[in-house]
Amino acid sequence: MAVAARRTPVPPIAAEELERRRRAYERATHSLRIEGLTATPEAEAVAQAWLRGEISNEEMGAQTRALHGA
């Protein structure tokens, strides 16, 4: 599954939000590594779009759930 394109642009997010996202991403990937796991390329693409501010928190969650059949 490719990262879904947005129909409307995402407003720019503040540097503080970008940093918060980066820290959350690092915690999540660290947790996966501790368990001997890695994200799929598709999940990584969604995470990277979220980190760049291209998709919202809600879109990131929806796309991640869709990847895992939830």
C-alpha atoms as a PDB file:
ATOM      1  CA  MET A   1       0.000   0.000   0.000  1.00  0.00           C
ATOM      2  CA  ALA A   2       1.400   3.352  -0.985  1.00  0.00           C
ATOM      3  CA  VAL A   3       1.025   6.401   1.187  1.00  0.00           C
ATOM      4  CA  ALA A   4      -2.264   7.957   0.155  1.00  0.00           C
ATOM      5  CA  ALA A   5      -2.020  11.369  -1.439  1.00  0.00           C
ATOM      6  CA  ARG A   6      -3.735  14.215   0.347  1.00  0.00           C
ATOM      7  CA  ARG A   7      -6.604  16.036  -1.268  1.00  0.00           C
ATOM      8  CA  THR A   8      -5.879  19.220   0.645  1.00  0.00           C
ATOM      9  CA  PRO A   9      -2.446  20.451   1.659  1.00  0.00           C
ATOM     10  CA  VAL A  10      -1.374  20.046   5.257  1.00  0.00           C
ATOM     11  CA  PRO A  11      -0.650  23.372   6.909  1.00  0.00           C
ATOM     12  CA  PRO A  12       2.993  23.728   7.903  1.00  0.00           C
ATOM     13  CA  ILE A  13       3.714  22.349  11.344  1.00  0.00           C
ATOM     14  CA  ALA A  14       5.863  24.008  13.957  1.00  0.00           C
ATOM     15  CA  ALA A  15       9.432  22.938  14.629  1.00  0.00           C
ATOM     16  CA  GLU A  16       8.336  21.785  18.079  1.00  0.00           C
ATOM     17  CA  GLU A  17       5.774  19.427  16.523  1.00  0.00           C
ATOM     18  CA  LEU A  18       8.362  18.083  14.081  1.00  0.00           C
ATOM     19  CA  GLU A  19      10.660  17.385  17.039  1.00  0.00           C
ATOM     20  CA  ARG A  20       7.840  15.719  18.989  1.00  0.00           C
ATOM     21  CA  ARG A  21       7.152  13.488  15.995  1.00  0.00           C
ATOM     22  CA  ARG A  22      10.826  12.642  15.618  1.00  0.00           C
ATOM     23  CA  ARG A  23      11.059  11.593  19.273  1.00  0.00           C
ATOM     24  CA  ALA A  24       7.887   9.501  19.006  1.00  0.00           C
ATOM     25  CA  TYR A  25       9.264   7.808  15.887  1.00  0.00           C
ATOM     26  CA  GLU A  26      12.565   7.062  17.613  1.00  0.00           C
ATOM     27  CA  ARG A  27      10.778   5.552  20.626  1.00  0.00           C
ATOM     28  CA  ALA A  28       8.594   3.392  18.394  1.00  0.00           C
ATOM     29  CA  THR A  29      11.465   2.112  16.253  1.00  0.00           C
ATOM     30  CA  HIS A  30      13.550   1.468  19.366  1.00  0.00           C
ATOM     31  CA  SER A  31      10.699  -0.556  20.838  1.00  0.00           C
ATOM     32  CA  LEU A  32      10.470  -2.626  17.659  1.00  0.00           C
ATOM     33  CA  ARG A  33      14.232  -3.273  17.660  1.00  0.00           C
ATOM     34  CA  ILE A  34      14.165  -4.384  21.298  1.00  0.00           C
ATOM     35  CA  GLU A  35      11.590  -6.994  20.295  1.00  0.00           C
ATOM     36  CA  GLY A  36      13.672  -8.065  17.294  1.00  0.00           C
ATOM     37  CA  LEU A  37      11.259  -6.515  14.803  1.00  0.00           C
ATOM     38  CA  THR A  38      11.415  -3.914  12.073  1.00  0.00           C
ATOM     39  CA  ALA A  39       8.747  -1.884  10.326  1.00  0.00           C
ATOM     40  CA  THR A  40       7.642  -2.983   6.873  1.00  0.00           C
ATOM     41  CA  PRO A  41       8.692  -0.724   3.996  1.00  0.00           C
ATOM     42  CA  GLU A  42       5.062   0.362   3.655  1.00  0.00           C
ATOM     43  CA  ALA A  43       4.787   1.282   7.341  1.00  0.00           C
ATOM     44  CA  GLU A  44       8.117   3.091   7.139  1.00  0.00           C
ATOM     45  CA  ALA A  45       6.836   5.135   4.168  1.00  0.00           C
ATOM     46  CA  VAL A  46       3.767   6.184   6.173  1.00  0.00           C
ATOM     47  CA  ALA A  47       5.971   7.107   9.147  1.00  0.00           C
ATOM     48  CA  GLN A  48       8.318   9.153   6.978  1.00  0.00           C
ATOM     49  CA  ALA A  49       5.412  11.081   5.402  1.00  0.00           C
ATOM     50  CA  TRP A  50       4.141  11.793   8.935  1.00  0.00           C
ATOM     51  CA  LEU A  51       7.601  12.869  10.097  1.00  0.00           C
ATOM     52  CA  ARG A  52       7.857  15.326   7.190  1.00  0.00           C
ATOM     53  CA  GLY A  53       4.445  16.760   8.058  1.00  0.00           C
ATOM     54  CA  GLU A  54       2.881  15.550   4.804  1.00  0.00           C
ATOM     55  CA  ILE A  55       0.073  13.695   6.594  1.00  0.00           C
ATOM     56  CA  SER A  56      -1.736  14.408   9.851  1.00  0.00           C
ATOM     57  CA  ASN A  57      -1.721  12.314  13.002  1.00  0.00           C
ATOM     58  CA  GLU A  58      -5.173  11.002  12.076  1.00  0.00           C
ATOM     59  CA  GLU A  59      -4.064  10.054   8.551  1.00  0.00           C
ATOM     60  CA  MET A  60      -0.981   8.341   9.891  1.00  0.00           C
ATOM     61  CA  GLY A  61      -3.112   6.265  12.252  1.00  0.00           C
ATOM     62  CA  ALA A  62      -5.663   5.390   9.565  1.00  0.00           C
ATOM     63  CA  GLN A  63      -2.999   4.386   7.038  1.00  0.00           C
ATOM     64  CA  THR A  64      -1.131   2.321   9.628  1.00  0.00           C
ATOM     65  CA  ARG A  65      -4.328   0.520  10.650  1.00  0.00           C
ATOM     66  CA  ALA A  66      -5.173  -0.130   6.990  1.00  0.00           C
ATOM     67  CA  LEU A  67      -1.745  -1.690   6.456  1.00  0.00           C
ATOM     68  CA  HIS A  68      -2.376  -4.114   9.283  1.00  0.00           C
ATOM     69  CA  GLY A  69      -5.968  -4.925   8.376  1.00  0.00           C
ATOM     70  CA  ALA A  70      -7.468  -3.167  11.376  1.00  0.00           C
END
